[in-house]
Amino acid sequence: MISGHYHAMNYQLVLQFAGDTLADYDAMIALENQLIEDLGHSAKVDGHDCGSGETNIFIFTSDPSVTFWRVRHTLQREGRLQSVTAAYRPVDGEQFTVLWPEGSQREFRVI
């Protein structure tokens, strides 16, 4: 058992940007790099996919709420908080739980 920062990252947090909000590839990569920097070793940014009118950035984490709290500051600073939906699921699960926007009843899925 390794002690320290690496707990089991058994959740997948997804940041979903609707429409062409992050259609500019360079802007998306810049945001992804900023997230990697801001999260440090606390979580692992695991790439992205674009298509079906949305862009998803995937993050592995042991604590989705804490990770989103950190990510939220980055998104706010970059002016992207209003255009994101954030949800998580256990790595081996199907069902997403929406963290943001708070109280959202929208069905969340990754296409």
Protein backbone atom coordinates (compact mmCIF):
# COMPACT_ATOMS: atom_id res chain seq x y z
CA MET A 1 0.00 0.00 0.00
CA ILE A 2 1.47 3.30 -1.08
CA SER A 3 0.90 6.10 1.36
CA GLY A 4 0.71 9.74 0.39
CA HIS A 5 -1.30 11.45 -2.31
CA TYR A 6 -2.29 8.48 -4.41
CA HIS A 7 -5.56 7.17 -3.08
CA ALA A 8 -7.61 4.91 -5.32
CA MET A 9 -9.05 7.17 -7.98
CA ASN A 10 -12.22 5.19 -8.32
CA TYR A 11 -14.49 7.92 -9.65
CA GLN A 12 -14.71 9.49 -13.06
CA LEU A 13 -15.64 13.17 -13.07
CA VAL A 14 -16.83 14.52 -16.41
CA LEU A 15 -16.92 18.19 -17.36
CA GLN A 16 -19.35 18.54 -20.22
CA PHE A 17 -19.49 21.67 -22.36
CA ALA A 18 -22.57 21.93 -24.55
CA GLY A 19 -22.64 23.03 -28.13
CA ASP A 20 -19.62 24.78 -29.54
CA THR A 21 -18.60 26.34 -26.22
CA LEU A 22 -15.25 24.59 -26.39
CA ALA A 23 -15.25 23.86 -30.12
CA ASP A 24 -11.97 25.71 -30.50
CA TYR A 25 -9.47 22.90 -30.06
CA ASP A 26 -6.68 25.17 -28.80
CA ALA A 27 -8.96 26.67 -26.16
CA MET A 28 -9.93 23.20 -24.99
CA ILE A 29 -6.31 22.04 -24.75
CA ALA A 30 -5.39 25.23 -22.89
CA LEU A 31 -8.21 24.61 -20.41
CA GLU A 32 -7.20 20.97 -20.00
CA ASN A 33 -3.59 21.98 -19.30
CA GLN A 34 -4.79 24.56 -16.77
CA LEU A 35 -6.85 21.88 -15.01
CA ILE A 36 -3.86 19.52 -14.90
CA GLU A 37 -1.78 22.28 -13.36
CA ASP A 38 -4.41 23.34 -10.83
CA LEU A 39 -5.29 19.78 -9.75
CA GLY A 40 -1.68 18.65 -9.39
CA HIS A 41 -1.51 15.15 -7.90
CA SER A 42 -4.97 15.35 -6.34
CA ALA A 43 -6.68 14.00 -9.47
CA LYS A 44 -5.77 12.82 -12.96
CA VAL A 45 -7.04 14.57 -16.06
CA ASP A 46 -7.64 11.72 -18.47
CA GLY A 47 -8.21 13.36 -21.82
CA HIS A 48 -11.28 14.50 -23.68
CA ASP A 49 -13.64 13.75 -26.50
CA CYS A 50 -15.52 16.02 -28.85
CA GLY A 51 -18.57 15.20 -30.88
CA SER A 52 -22.37 15.07 -30.89
CA GLY A 53 -22.44 18.78 -30.16
CA GLU A 54 -20.52 18.53 -26.91
CA THR A 55 -17.03 18.40 -25.49
CA ASN A 56 -16.18 16.24 -22.47
CA ILE A 57 -13.10 16.43 -20.28
CA PHE A 58 -12.54 13.34 -18.12
CA ILE A 59 -10.92 13.38 -14.69
CA PHE A 60 -10.16 10.42 -12.41
CA THR A 61 -10.47 11.23 -8.72
CA SER A 62 -10.94 9.66 -5.31
CA ASP A 63 -13.25 12.52 -4.25
CA PRO A 64 -15.42 14.08 -7.00
CA SER A 65 -16.79 16.86 -4.76
CA VAL A 66 -13.39 18.10 -3.65
CA THR A 67 -12.01 17.82 -7.17
CA PHE A 68 -14.93 19.75 -8.62
CA TRP A 69 -14.48 22.43 -5.98
CA ARG A 70 -10.94 22.94 -7.27
CA VAL A 71 -11.99 22.71 -10.91
CA ARG A 72 -14.77 25.20 -10.27
CA HIS A 73 -12.25 27.91 -9.42
CA THR A 74 -10.34 27.23 -12.63
CA LEU A 75 -13.54 27.33 -14.70
CA GLN A 76 -14.67 30.54 -13.03
CA ARG A 77 -11.32 32.19 -13.69
CA GLU A 78 -11.47 31.09 -17.33
CA GLY A 79 -15.07 32.29 -17.70
CA ARG A 80 -16.42 28.80 -18.39
CA LEU A 81 -18.40 27.97 -15.27
CA GLN A 82 -21.75 28.96 -16.79
CA SER A 83 -21.36 26.63 -19.77
CA VAL A 84 -20.35 23.44 -17.96
CA THR A 85 -22.27 20.53 -16.52
CA ALA A 86 -20.22 18.40 -14.12
CA ALA A 87 -21.16 14.86 -13.14
CA TYR A 88 -19.41 11.82 -11.75
CA ARG A 89 -19.83 8.08 -11.54
CA PRO A 90 -17.93 5.20 -9.99
CA VAL A 91 -15.38 3.96 -12.50
CA ASP A 92 -17.21 0.65 -12.69
CA GLY A 93 -20.68 2.23 -12.65
CA GLU A 94 -23.12 3.51 -15.25
CA GLN A 95 -25.12 6.04 -13.28
CA PHE A 96 -23.91 9.66 -13.25
CA THR A 97 -24.61 12.04 -10.38
CA VAL A 98 -24.73 15.71 -11.40
CA LEU A 99 -22.69 18.05 -9.17
CA TRP A 100 -23.11 21.23 -11.18
CA PRO A 101 -25.25 23.17 -11.84
CA GLU A 102 -26.50 22.59 -8.30
CA GLY A 103 -29.94 21.03 -8.20
CA SER A 104 -29.87 20.17 -11.90
CA GLN A 105 -32.46 17.58 -12.90
CA ARG A 106 -31.03 17.20 -16.38
CA GLU A 107 -30.32 13.66 -17.45
CA PHE A 108 -26.56 13.40 -17.86
CA ARG A 109 -24.91 11.04 -20.26
CA VAL A 110 -21.76 10.82 -22.27
CA ILE A 111 -22.48 9.93 -25.87
